[in-house]
């Protein structure tokens, strides 16, 4: 399976090319448009709840299918989307520390336990 890498300000992000349909970058923010049949299933595949938010183009609203992403951003708390998230991709451990240090987020006790 082909992997693609997107360069961003402090590192890189990997994603499956077969799911990506398009992307838009503006002022340092990149939006990925991906095929998704089940938004909750897709959200569980993301690394952290703050990265499992979806923008609905029909009503211009933000969807938080796991119910924690917006609250975690407001509380500056880093939580995984799934208990096996770090097991699925161990580089997410380093990403957790990078996000916490860069954006002054706290890492939840459950994520620290997983690390």
PDB file of N, CA and C in Angstrom:
ATOM      1  N   UNK A   1       0.838  -1.173   0.000  1.00  0.00           N
ATOM      2  CA  UNK A   1       0.000   0.000   0.000  1.00  0.00           C
ATOM      3  C   UNK A   1       0.891   1.246   0.000  1.00  0.00           C
ATOM      4  N   UNK A   2       0.518   2.211  -0.789  1.00  0.00           N
ATOM      5  CA  UNK A   2       1.297   3.434  -0.911  1.00  0.00           C
ATOM      6  C   UNK A   2       1.046   4.332   0.287  1.00  0.00           C
ATOM      7  N   UNK A   3       2.103   4.852   0.848  1.00  0.00           N
ATOM      8  CA  UNK A   3       2.002   5.814   1.944  1.00  0.00           C
ATOM      9  C   UNK A   3       2.444   7.161   1.403  1.00  0.00           C
ATOM     10  N   UNK A   4       1.790   8.212   1.817  1.00  0.00           N
ATOM     11  CA  UNK A   4       2.189   9.554   1.435  1.00  0.00           C
ATOM     12  C   UNK A   4       2.548  10.313   2.689  1.00  0.00           C
ATOM     13  N   UNK A   5       3.417  11.281   2.550  1.00  0.00           N
ATOM     14  CA  UNK A   5       3.852  12.074   3.684  1.00  0.00           C
ATOM     15  C   UNK A   5       3.615  13.540   3.393  1.00  0.00           C
ATOM     16  N   UNK A   6       3.078  14.235   4.352  1.00  0.00           N
ATOM     17  CA  UNK A   6       2.821  15.660   4.217  1.00  0.00           C
ATOM     18  C   UNK A   6       3.752  16.388   5.160  1.00  0.00           C
ATOM     19  N   UNK A   7       4.494  17.324   4.656  1.00  0.00           N
ATOM     20  CA  UNK A   7       5.374  18.110   5.508  1.00  0.00           C
ATOM     21  C   UNK A   7       4.539  19.153   6.232  1.00  0.00           C
ATOM     22  N   UNK A   8       4.807  19.329   7.505  1.00  0.00           N
ATOM     23  CA  UNK A   8       4.159  20.377   8.279  1.00  0.00           C
ATOM     24  C   UNK A   8       5.204  21.053   9.120  1.00  0.00           C
ATOM     25  N   UNK A   9       4.812  22.075   9.827  1.00  0.00           N
ATOM     26  CA  UNK A   9       5.754  22.973  10.493  1.00  0.00           C
ATOM     27  C   UNK A   9       6.791  22.263  11.356  1.00  0.00           C
ATOM     28  N   UNK A  10       6.426  21.263  12.118  1.00  0.00           N
ATOM     29  CA  UNK A  10       7.359  20.653  13.055  1.00  0.00           C
ATOM     30  C   UNK A  10       7.565  19.155  12.817  1.00  0.00           C
ATOM     31  N   UNK A  11       7.265  18.664  11.639  1.00  0.00           N
ATOM     32  CA  UNK A  11       7.468  17.246  11.399  1.00  0.00           C
ATOM     33  C   UNK A  11       6.727  16.778  10.173  1.00  0.00           C
ATOM     34  N   UNK A  12       6.241  15.545  10.223  1.00  0.00           N
ATOM     35  CA  UNK A  12       5.492  15.026   9.095  1.00  0.00           C
ATOM     36  C   UNK A  12       4.344  14.166   9.589  1.00  0.00           C
ATOM     37  N   UNK A  13       3.381  13.999   8.704  1.00  0.00           N
ATOM     38  CA  UNK A  13       2.213  13.192   9.027  1.00  0.00           C
ATOM     39  C   UNK A  13       2.051  12.156   7.928  1.00  0.00           C
ATOM     40  N   UNK A  14       1.729  10.961   8.291  1.00  0.00           N
ATOM     41  CA  UNK A  14       1.577   9.874   7.338  1.00  0.00           C
ATOM     42  C   UNK A  14       0.100   9.542   7.197  1.00  0.00           C
ATOM     43  N   UNK A  15      -0.323   9.242   5.989  1.00  0.00           N
ATOM     44  CA  UNK A  15      -1.701   8.820   5.794  1.00  0.00           C
ATOM     45  C   UNK A  15      -1.777   7.857   4.625  1.00  0.00           C
ATOM     46  N   UNK A  16      -2.835   7.085   4.609  1.00  0.00           N
ATOM     47  CA  UNK A  16      -3.040   6.104   3.547  1.00  0.00           C
ATOM     48  C   UNK A  16      -3.530   6.828   2.302  1.00  0.00           C
ATOM     49  N   UNK A  17      -2.811   6.698   1.209  1.00  0.00           N
ATOM     50  CA  UNK A  17      -3.135   7.415  -0.026  1.00  0.00           C
ATOM     51  C   UNK A  17      -4.491   7.012  -0.588  1.00  0.00           C
ATOM     52  N   UNK A  18      -4.901   5.756  -0.384  1.00  0.00           N
ATOM     53  CA  UNK A  18      -6.152   5.303  -0.986  1.00  0.00           C
ATOM     54  C   UNK A  18      -7.378   6.005  -0.393  1.00  0.00           C
ATOM     55  N   UNK A  19      -7.263   6.543   0.831  1.00  0.00           N
ATOM     56  CA  UNK A  19      -8.396   7.198   1.465  1.00  0.00           C
ATOM     57  C   UNK A  19      -8.443   8.690   1.162  1.00  0.00           C
ATOM     58  N   UNK A  20      -7.312   9.257   0.783  1.00  0.00           N
ATOM     59  CA  UNK A  20      -7.242  10.686   0.537  1.00  0.00           C
ATOM     60  C   UNK A  20      -7.854  11.010  -0.818  1.00  0.00           C
ATOM     61  N   UNK A  21      -8.748  11.992  -0.854  1.00  0.00           N
ATOM     62  CA  UNK A  21      -9.311  12.399  -2.127  1.00  0.00           C
ATOM     63  C   UNK A  21      -8.786  13.758  -2.560  1.00  0.00           C
ATOM     64  N   UNK A  22      -8.504  14.635  -1.602  1.00  0.00           N
ATOM     65  CA  UNK A  22      -7.979  15.954  -1.937  1.00  0.00           C
ATOM     66  C   UNK A  22      -7.506  16.639  -0.666  1.00  0.00           C
ATOM     67  N   UNK A  23      -6.778  17.716  -0.817  1.00  0.00           N
ATOM     68  CA  UNK A  23      -6.353  18.502   0.330  1.00  0.00           C
ATOM     69  C   UNK A  23      -6.226  19.956  -0.074  1.00  0.00           C
ATOM     70  N   UNK A  24      -6.424  20.834   0.898  1.00  0.00           N
ATOM     71  CA  UNK A  24      -6.303  22.270   0.695  1.00  0.00           C
ATOM     72  C   UNK A  24      -5.414  22.816   1.799  1.00  0.00           C
ATOM     73  N   UNK A  25      -4.452  23.653   1.438  1.00  0.00           N
ATOM     74  CA  UNK A  25      -3.579  24.278   2.436  1.00  0.00           C
ATOM     75  C   UNK A  25      -3.743  25.794   2.334  1.00  0.00           C
ATOM     76  N   UNK A  26      -3.951  26.437   3.482  1.00  0.00           N
ATOM     77  CA  UNK A  26      -4.123  27.883   3.518  1.00  0.00           C
ATOM     78  C   UNK A  26      -3.578  28.407   4.834  1.00  0.00           C
ATOM     79  N   UNK A  27      -2.669  29.345   4.773  1.00  0.00           N
ATOM     80  CA  UNK A  27      -2.089  29.964   5.970  1.00  0.00           C
ATOM     81  C   UNK A  27      -1.546  28.942   6.969  1.00  0.00           C
ATOM     82  N   UNK A  28      -0.878  27.927   6.473  1.00  0.00           N
ATOM     83  CA  UNK A  28      -0.265  26.945   7.355  1.00  0.00           C
ATOM     84  C   UNK A  28      -1.190  25.864   7.869  1.00  0.00           C
ATOM     85  N   UNK A  29      -2.468  25.899   7.494  1.00  0.00           N
ATOM     86  CA  UNK A  29      -3.428  24.878   7.925  1.00  0.00           C
ATOM     87  C   UNK A  29      -3.796  24.043   6.711  1.00  0.00           C
ATOM     88  N   UNK A  30      -3.705  22.719   6.853  1.00  0.00           N
ATOM     89  CA  UNK A  30      -4.042  21.828   5.746  1.00  0.00           C
ATOM     90  C   UNK A  30      -5.288  21.038   6.108  1.00  0.00           C
ATOM     91  N   UNK A  31      -6.267  21.066   5.217  1.00  0.00           N
ATOM     92  CA  UNK A  31      -7.491  20.282   5.385  1.00  0.00           C
ATOM     93  C   UNK A  31      -7.433  19.112   4.420  1.00  0.00           C
ATOM     94  N   UNK A  32      -7.631  17.905   4.939  1.00  0.00           N
ATOM     95  CA  UNK A  32      -7.654  16.708   4.113  1.00  0.00           C
ATOM     96  C   UNK A  32      -9.102  16.304   3.884  1.00  0.00           C
ATOM     97  N   UNK A  33      -9.407  15.966   2.657  1.00  0.00           N
ATOM     98  CA  UNK A  33     -10.727  15.466   2.321  1.00  0.00           C
ATOM     99  C   UNK A  33     -10.563  13.978   2.051  1.00  0.00           C
ATOM    100  N   UNK A  34     -11.236  13.161   2.834  1.00  0.00           N
ATOM    101  CA  UNK A  34     -11.065  11.719   2.729  1.00  0.00           C
ATOM    102  C   UNK A  34     -12.409  11.026   2.548  1.00  0.00           C
ATOM    103  N   UNK A  35     -12.366   9.896   1.861  1.00  0.00           N
ATOM    104  CA  UNK A  35     -13.562   9.073   1.735  1.00  0.00           C
ATOM    105  C   UNK A  35     -13.837   8.434   3.082  1.00  0.00           C
ATOM    106  N   UNK A  36     -15.063   8.484   3.496  1.00  0.00           N
ATOM    107  CA  UNK A  36     -15.407   7.933   4.807  1.00  0.00           C
ATOM    108  C   UNK A  36     -16.862   7.510   4.774  1.00  0.00           C
ATOM    109  N   UNK A  37     -17.101   6.259   5.094  1.00  0.00           N
ATOM    110  CA  UNK A  37     -18.483   5.794   5.118  1.00  0.00           C
ATOM    111  C   UNK A  37     -19.071   5.841   6.517  1.00  0.00           C
ATOM    112  N   UNK A  38     -18.234   5.674   7.524  1.00  0.00           N
ATOM    113  CA  UNK A  38     -18.698   5.693   8.908  1.00  0.00           C
ATOM    114  C   UNK A  38     -17.810   6.638   9.711  1.00  0.00           C
ATOM    115  N   UNK A  39     -18.341   7.807  10.040  1.00  0.00           N
ATOM    116  CA  UNK A  39     -17.539   8.848  10.688  1.00  0.00           C
ATOM    117  C   UNK A  39     -17.041   8.422  12.065  1.00  0.00           C
ATOM    118  N   UNK A  40     -17.801   7.639  12.802  1.00  0.00           N
ATOM    119  CA  UNK A  40     -17.363   7.184  14.127  1.00  0.00           C
ATOM    120  C   UNK A  40     -16.221   6.178  13.987  1.00  0.00           C
ATOM    121  N   UNK A  41     -16.353   5.268  13.046  1.00  0.00           N
ATOM    122  CA  UNK A  41     -15.277   4.309  12.792  1.00  0.00           C
ATOM    123  C   UNK A  41     -14.006   5.049  12.357  1.00  0.00           C
ATOM    124  N   UNK A  42     -14.152   6.040  11.491  1.00  0.00           N
ATOM    125  CA  UNK A  42     -13.010   6.816  11.034  1.00  0.00           C
ATOM    126  C   UNK A  42     -12.372   7.586  12.194  1.00  0.00           C
ATOM    127  N   UNK A  43     -13.189   8.141  13.066  1.00  0.00           N
ATOM    128  CA  UNK A  43     -12.674   8.901  14.211  1.00  0.00           C
ATOM    129  C   UNK A  43     -11.842   8.017  15.129  1.00  0.00           C
ATOM    130  N   UNK A  44     -12.233   6.772  15.309  1.00  0.00           N
ATOM    131  CA  UNK A  44     -11.477   5.850  16.162  1.00  0.00           C
ATOM    132  C   UNK A  44     -10.104   5.520  15.564  1.00  0.00           C
ATOM    133  N   UNK A  45      -9.926   5.746  14.264  1.00  0.00           N
ATOM    134  CA  UNK A  45      -8.640   5.495  13.623  1.00  0.00           C
ATOM    135  C   UNK A  45      -7.664   6.654  13.792  1.00  0.00           C
ATOM    136  N   UNK A  46      -8.153   7.807  14.227  1.00  0.00           N
ATOM    137  CA  UNK A  46      -7.295   8.993  14.406  1.00  0.00           C
ATOM    138  C   UNK A  46      -6.456   8.817  15.660  1.00  0.00           C
ATOM    139  N   UNK A  47      -5.433   9.654  15.789  1.00  0.00           N
ATOM    140  CA  UNK A  47      -4.546   9.523  16.946  1.00  0.00           C
ATOM    141  C   UNK A  47      -5.136  10.130  18.211  1.00  0.00           C
ATOM    142  N   UNK A  48      -5.439  11.417  18.179  1.00  0.00           N
ATOM    143  CA  UNK A  48      -5.916  12.114  19.373  1.00  0.00           C
ATOM    144  C   UNK A  48      -7.261  12.760  19.089  1.00  0.00           C
ATOM    145  N   UNK A  49      -8.057  12.920  20.139  1.00  0.00           N
ATOM    146  CA  UNK A  49      -9.431  13.419  19.974  1.00  0.00           C
ATOM    147  C   UNK A  49      -9.472  14.782  19.288  1.00  0.00           C
ATOM    148  N   UNK A  50      -8.462  15.608  19.515  1.00  0.00           N
ATOM    149  CA  UNK A  50      -8.450  16.922  18.871  1.00  0.00           C
ATOM    150  C   UNK A  50      -8.261  16.803  17.358  1.00  0.00           C
ATOM    151  N   UNK A  51      -7.801  15.648  16.888  1.00  0.00           N
ATOM    152  CA  UNK A  51      -7.624  15.409  15.458  1.00  0.00           C
ATOM    153  C   UNK A  51      -8.763  14.588  14.870  1.00  0.00           C
ATOM    154  N   UNK A  52      -9.810  14.379  15.648  1.00  0.00           N
ATOM    155  CA  UNK A  52     -10.959  13.602  15.177  1.00  0.00           C
ATOM    156  C   UNK A  52     -12.197  14.491  15.082  1.00  0.00           C
ATOM    157  N   UNK A  53     -11.980  15.716  14.636  1.00  0.00           N
ATOM    158  CA  UNK A  53     -13.082  16.651  14.409  1.00  0.00           C
ATOM    159  C   UNK A  53     -13.315  16.746  12.909  1.00  0.00           C
ATOM    160  N   UNK A  54     -14.545  16.906  12.520  1.00  0.00           N
ATOM    161  CA  UNK A  54     -14.914  16.918  11.107  1.00  0.00           C
ATOM    162  C   UNK A  54     -15.729  18.166  10.801  1.00  0.00           C
ATOM    163  N   UNK A  55     -15.495  18.720   9.639  1.00  0.00           N
ATOM    164  CA  UNK A  55     -16.213  19.917   9.218  1.00  0.00           C
ATOM    165  C   UNK A  55     -17.273  19.502   8.216  1.00  0.00           C
ATOM    166  N   UNK A  56     -18.525  19.783   8.540  1.00  0.00           N
ATOM    167  CA  UNK A  56     -19.645  19.444   7.674  1.00  0.00           C
ATOM    168  C   UNK A  56     -19.840  20.572   6.671  1.00  0.00           C
ATOM    169  N   UNK A  57     -19.612  20.294   5.397  1.00  0.00           N
ATOM    170  CA  UNK A  57     -19.727  21.317   4.356  1.00  0.00           C
ATOM    171  C   UNK A  57     -21.172  21.721   4.077  1.00  0.00           C
ATOM    172  N   UNK A  58     -22.116  20.856   4.439  1.00  0.00           N
ATOM    173  CA  UNK A  58     -23.521  21.173   4.188  1.00  0.00           C
ATOM    174  C   UNK A  58     -24.037  22.287   5.090  1.00  0.00           C
ATOM    175  N   UNK A  59     -23.741  22.199   6.396  1.00  0.00           N
ATOM    176  CA  UNK A  59     -24.253  23.216   7.325  1.00  0.00           C
ATOM    177  C   UNK A  59     -23.135  24.025   7.995  1.00  0.00           C
ATOM    178  N   UNK A  60     -21.889  23.835   7.517  1.00  0.00           N
ATOM    179  CA  UNK A  60     -20.724  24.578   8.011  1.00  0.00           C
ATOM    180  C   UNK A  60     -20.533  24.431   9.529  1.00  0.00           C
ATOM    181  N   UNK A  61     -20.774  23.220  10.022  1.00  0.00           N
ATOM    182  CA  UNK A  61     -20.612  22.962  11.454  1.00  0.00           C
ATOM    183  C   UNK A  61     -19.446  22.002  11.689  1.00  0.00           C
ATOM    184  N   UNK A  62     -18.949  22.009  12.893  1.00  0.00           N
ATOM    185  CA  UNK A  62     -17.897  21.079  13.293  1.00  0.00           C
ATOM    186  C   UNK A  62     -18.557  19.901  13.995  1.00  0.00           C
ATOM    187  N   UNK A  63     -18.222  18.709  13.561  1.00  0.00           N
ATOM    188  CA  UNK A  63     -18.759  17.485  14.151  1.00  0.00           C
ATOM    189  C   UNK A  63     -17.687  16.857  15.038  1.00  0.00           C
ATOM    190  N   UNK A  64     -18.103  16.418  16.196  1.00  0.00           N
ATOM    191  CA  UNK A  64     -17.209  15.780  17.168  1.00  0.00           C
ATOM    192  C   UNK A  64     -17.801  14.406  17.491  1.00  0.00           C
ATOM    193  N   UNK A  65     -17.602  13.420  16.598  1.00  0.00           N
ATOM    194  CA  UNK A  65     -18.293  12.138  16.753  1.00  0.00           C
ATOM    195  C   UNK A  65     -17.946  11.367  18.024  1.00  0.00           C
ATOM    196  N   UNK A  66     -16.766  11.589  18.584  1.00  0.00           N
ATOM    197  CA  UNK A  66     -16.401  10.897  19.820  1.00  0.00           C
ATOM    198  C   UNK A  66     -16.837  11.677  21.054  1.00  0.00           C
ATOM    199  N   UNK A  67     -17.238  12.924  20.862  1.00  0.00           N
ATOM    200  CA  UNK A  67     -17.763  13.736  21.947  1.00  0.00           C
ATOM    201  C   UNK A  67     -16.732  14.302  22.905  1.00  0.00           C
ATOM    202  N   UNK A  68     -15.438  14.219  22.554  1.00  0.00           N
ATOM    203  CA  UNK A  68     -14.395  14.690  23.473  1.00  0.00           C
ATOM    204  C   UNK A  68     -13.441  15.707  22.854  1.00  0.00           C
ATOM    205  N   UNK A  69     -13.378  15.772  21.535  1.00  0.00           N
ATOM    206  CA  UNK A  69     -12.376  16.587  20.866  1.00  0.00           C
ATOM    207  C   UNK A  69     -12.435  18.063  21.210  1.00  0.00           C
ATOM    208  N   UNK A  70     -13.601  18.657  21.117  1.00  0.00           N
ATOM    209  CA  UNK A  70     -13.750  20.091  21.405  1.00  0.00           C
ATOM    210  C   UNK A  70     -13.456  20.363  22.876  1.00  0.00           C
ATOM    211  N   UNK A  71     -13.992  19.525  23.757  1.00  0.00           N
ATOM    212  CA  UNK A  71     -13.749  19.688  25.194  1.00  0.00           C
ATOM    213  C   UNK A  71     -12.261  19.542  25.508  1.00  0.00           C
ATOM    214  N   UNK A  72     -11.600  18.566  24.874  1.00  0.00           N
ATOM    215  CA  UNK A  72     -10.168  18.371  25.117  1.00  0.00           C
ATOM    216  C   UNK A  72      -9.347  19.566  24.639  1.00  0.00           C
ATOM    217  N   UNK A  73      -9.732  20.175  23.539  1.00  0.00           N
ATOM    218  CA  UNK A  73      -9.034  21.376  23.075  1.00  0.00           C
ATOM    219  C   UNK A  73      -9.243  22.516  24.068  1.00  0.00           C
ATOM    220  N   UNK A  74     -10.482  22.709  24.503  1.00  0.00           N
ATOM    221  CA  UNK A  74     -10.775  23.764  25.480  1.00  0.00           C
ATOM    222  C   UNK A  74      -9.987  23.558  26.780  1.00  0.00           C
ATOM    223  N   UNK A  75      -9.848  22.298  27.210  1.00  0.00           N
ATOM    224  CA  UNK A  75      -9.145  21.978  28.451  1.00  0.00           C
ATOM    225  C   UNK A  75      -7.646  21.755  28.248  1.00  0.00           C
ATOM    226  N   UNK A  76      -7.198  21.847  26.989  1.00  0.00           N
ATOM    227  CA  UNK A  76      -5.790  21.625  26.634  1.00  0.00           C
ATOM    228  C   UNK A  76      -5.299  20.281  27.169  1.00  0.00           C
ATOM    229  N   UNK A  77      -6.115  19.247  26.887  1.00  0.00           N
ATOM    230  CA  UNK A  77      -5.826  17.891  27.358  1.00  0.00           C
ATOM    231  C   UNK A  77      -5.690  16.966  26.150  1.00  0.00           C
ATOM    232  N   UNK A  78      -4.666  16.147  26.159  1.00  0.00           N
ATOM    233  CA  UNK A  78      -4.409  15.217  25.061  1.00  0.00           C
ATOM    234  C   UNK A  78      -4.897  13.824  25.438  1.00  0.00           C
ATOM    235  N   UNK A  79      -5.865  13.325  24.669  1.00  0.00           N
ATOM    236  CA  UNK A  79      -6.432  11.989  24.857  1.00  0.00           C
ATOM    237  C   UNK A  79      -6.430  11.258  23.524  1.00  0.00           C
ATOM    238  N   UNK A  80      -6.272   9.947  23.575  1.00  0.00           N
ATOM    239  CA  UNK A  80      -6.332   9.155  22.348  1.00  0.00           C
ATOM    240  C   UNK A  80      -7.788   8.879  21.982  1.00  0.00           C
ATOM    241  N   UNK A  81      -7.994   8.562  20.717  1.00  0.00           N
ATOM    242  CA  UNK A  81      -9.340   8.248  20.234  1.00  0.00           C
ATOM    243  C   UNK A  81      -9.739   6.819  20.543  1.00  0.00           C
ATOM    244  N   UNK A  82      -8.751   5.981  20.728  1.00  0.00           N
ATOM    245  CA  UNK A  82      -8.995   4.566  20.944  1.00  0.00           C
ATOM    246  C   UNK A  82      -7.930   4.048  21.910  1.00  0.00           C
ATOM    247  N   UNK A  83      -8.274   3.128  22.790  1.00  0.00           N
ATOM    248  CA  UNK A  83      -7.285   2.612  23.741  1.00  0.00           C
ATOM    249  C   UNK A  83      -6.075   1.950  23.075  1.00  0.00           C
ATOM    250  N   UNK A  84      -6.228   1.504  21.828  1.00  0.00           N
ATOM    251  CA  UNK A  84      -5.121   0.852  21.120  1.00  0.00           C
ATOM    252  C   UNK A  84      -4.400   1.797  20.165  1.00  0.00           C
ATOM    253  N   UNK A  85      -4.719   3.073  20.220  1.00  0.00           N
ATOM    254  CA  UNK A  85      -4.155   4.056  19.284  1.00  0.00           C
ATOM    255  C   UNK A  85      -2.634   4.070  19.269  1.00  0.00           C
ATOM    256  N   UNK A  86      -2.018   4.096  20.432  1.00  0.00           N
ATOM    257  CA  UNK A  86      -0.555   4.156  20.501  1.00  0.00           C
ATOM    258  C   UNK A  86       0.068   2.810  20.137  1.00  0.00           C
ATOM    259  N   UNK A  87      -0.652   1.748  20.396  1.00  0.00           N
ATOM    260  CA  UNK A  87      -0.197   0.414  20.022  1.00  0.00           C
ATOM    261  C   UNK A  87      -0.198   0.259  18.498  1.00  0.00           C
ATOM    262  N   UNK A  88      -1.205   0.831  17.854  1.00  0.00           N
ATOM    263  CA  UNK A  88      -1.321   0.754  16.400  1.00  0.00           C
ATOM    264  C   UNK A  88      -0.194   1.503  15.701  1.00  0.00           C
ATOM    265  N   UNK A  89       0.247   2.603  16.296  1.00  0.00           N
ATOM    266  CA  UNK A  89       1.320   3.401  15.707  1.00  0.00           C
ATOM    267  C   UNK A  89       2.161   3.996  16.829  1.00  0.00           C
ATOM    268  N   UNK A  90       3.251   3.329  17.196  1.00  0.00           N
ATOM    269  CA  UNK A  90       4.079   3.791  18.322  1.00  0.00           C
ATOM    270  C   UNK A  90       4.655   5.201  18.150  1.00  0.00           C
ATOM    271  N   UNK A  91       4.771   5.695  16.922  1.00  0.00           N
ATOM    272  CA  UNK A  91       5.252   7.069  16.731  1.00  0.00           C
ATOM    273  C   UNK A  91       4.297   8.098  17.330  1.00  0.00           C
ATOM    274  N   UNK A  92       3.090   7.693  17.589  1.00  0.00           N
ATOM    275  CA  UNK A  92       2.125   8.592  18.206  1.00  0.00           C
ATOM    276  C   UNK A  92       2.543   8.982  19.620  1.00  0.00           C
ATOM    277  N   UNK A  93       3.359   8.151  20.261  1.00  0.00           N
ATOM    278  CA  UNK A  93       3.874   8.495  21.595  1.00  0.00           C
ATOM    279  C   UNK A  93       4.731   9.750  21.513  1.00  0.00           C
ATOM    280  N   UNK A  94       5.616   9.778  20.537  1.00  0.00           N
ATOM    281  CA  UNK A  94       6.469  10.946  20.332  1.00  0.00           C
ATOM    282  C   UNK A  94       5.632  12.150  19.906  1.00  0.00           C
ATOM    283  N   UNK A  95       4.644  11.898  19.085  1.00  0.00           N
ATOM    284  CA  UNK A  95       3.742  12.974  18.644  1.00  0.00           C
ATOM    285  C   UNK A  95       2.989  13.569  19.830  1.00  0.00           C
ATOM    286  N   UNK A  96       2.592  12.737  20.785  1.00  0.00           N
ATOM    287  CA  UNK A  96       1.895  13.231  21.988  1.00  0.00           C
ATOM    288  C   UNK A  96       2.789  14.207  22.746  1.00  0.00           C
ATOM    289  N   UNK A  97       4.028  13.832  22.924  1.00  0.00           N
ATOM    290  CA  UNK A  97       4.965  14.693  23.653  1.00  0.00           C
ATOM    291  C   UNK A  97       5.223  15.983  22.877  1.00  0.00           C
ATOM    292  N   UNK A  98       5.355  15.879  21.566  1.00  0.00           N
ATOM    293  CA  UNK A  98       5.580  17.058  20.727  1.00  0.00           C
ATOM    294  C   UNK A  98       4.389  18.015  20.789  1.00  0.00           C
ATOM    295  N   UNK A  99       3.188  17.482  20.676  1.00  0.00           N
ATOM    296  CA  UNK A  99       1.979  18.319  20.742  1.00  0.00           C
ATOM    297  C   UNK A  99       1.879  18.981  22.105  1.00  0.00           C
ATOM    298  N   UNK A 100       2.093  18.213  23.162  1.00  0.00           N
ATOM    299  CA  UNK A 100       2.002  18.760  24.521  1.00  0.00           C
ATOM    300  C   UNK A 100       3.013  19.889  24.719  1.00  0.00           C
ATOM    301  N   UNK A 101       4.229  19.690  24.261  1.00  0.00           N
ATOM    302  CA  UNK A 101       5.274  20.704  24.439  1.00  0.00           C
ATOM    303  C   UNK A 101       5.043  21.926  23.559  1.00  0.00           C
ATOM    304  N   UNK A 102       4.586  21.719  22.343  1.00  0.00           N
ATOM    305  CA  UNK A 102       4.395  22.815  21.398  1.00  0.00           C
ATOM    306  C   UNK A 102       3.193  23.680  21.750  1.00  0.00           C
ATOM    307  N   UNK A 103       2.088  23.045  22.146  1.00  0.00           N
ATOM    308  CA  UNK A 103       0.837  23.773  22.361  1.00  0.00           C
ATOM    309  C   UNK A 103       0.448  23.874  23.832  1.00  0.00           C
ATOM    310  N   UNK A 104       1.352  23.495  24.718  1.00  0.00           N
ATOM    311  CA  UNK A 104       1.123  23.578  26.152  1.00  0.00           C
ATOM    312  C   UNK A 104      -0.113  22.781  26.584  1.00  0.00           C
ATOM    313  N   UNK A 105      -0.230  21.574  26.053  1.00  0.00           N
ATOM    314  CA  UNK A 105      -1.306  20.663  26.430  1.00  0.00           C
ATOM    315  C   UNK A 105      -0.808  19.755  27.543  1.00  0.00           C
ATOM    316  N   UNK A 106      -1.721  19.271  28.375  1.00  0.00           N
ATOM    317  CA  UNK A 106      -1.410  18.239  29.345  1.00  0.00           C
ATOM    318  C   UNK A 106      -1.698  16.894  28.692  1.00  0.00           C
ATOM    319  N   UNK A 107      -0.906  15.897  29.021  1.00  0.00           N
ATOM    320  CA  UNK A 107      -1.148  14.540  28.529  1.00  0.00           C
ATOM    321  C   UNK A 107      -1.956  13.819  29.597  1.00  0.00           C
ATOM    322  N   UNK A 108      -3.104  13.268  29.212  1.00  0.00           N
ATOM    323  CA  UNK A 108      -3.976  12.595  30.180  1.00  0.00           C
ATOM    324  C   UNK A 108      -3.267  11.415  30.829  1.00  0.00           C
ATOM    325  N   UNK A 109      -3.716  11.058  32.012  1.00  0.00           N
ATOM    326  CA  UNK A 109      -3.134   9.926  32.738  1.00  0.00           C
ATOM    327  C   UNK A 109      -3.280   8.632  31.952  1.00  0.00           C
ATOM    328  N   UNK A 110      -4.391   8.465  31.217  1.00  0.00           N
ATOM    329  CA  UNK A 110      -4.560   7.245  30.438  1.00  0.00           C
ATOM    330  C   UNK A 110      -3.532   7.163  29.302  1.00  0.00           C
ATOM    331  N   UNK A 111      -3.219   8.308  28.682  1.00  0.00           N
ATOM    332  CA  UNK A 111      -2.209   8.313  27.618  1.00  0.00           C
ATOM    333  C   UNK A 111      -0.823   8.085  28.215  1.00  0.00           C
ATOM    334  N   UNK A 112      -0.533   8.698  29.345  1.00  0.00           N
ATOM    335  CA  UNK A 112       0.755   8.463  30.011  1.00  0.00           C
ATOM    336  C   UNK A 112       0.904   6.980  30.339  1.00  0.00           C
ATOM    337  N   UNK A 113      -0.162   6.351  30.818  1.00  0.00           N
ATOM    338  CA  UNK A 113      -0.139   4.909  31.093  1.00  0.00           C
ATOM    339  C   UNK A 113       0.107   4.082  29.847  1.00  0.00           C
ATOM    340  N   UNK A 114      -0.456   4.511  28.716  1.00  0.00           N
ATOM    341  CA  UNK A 114      -0.240   3.795  27.464  1.00  0.00           C
ATOM    342  C   UNK A 114       1.199   3.961  26.980  1.00  0.00           C
ATOM    343  N   UNK A 115       1.766   5.143  27.192  1.00  0.00           N
ATOM    344  CA  UNK A 115       3.149   5.394  26.783  1.00  0.00           C
ATOM    345  C   UNK A 115       4.071   4.527  27.627  1.00  0.00           C
TER     346      UNK A 115
END
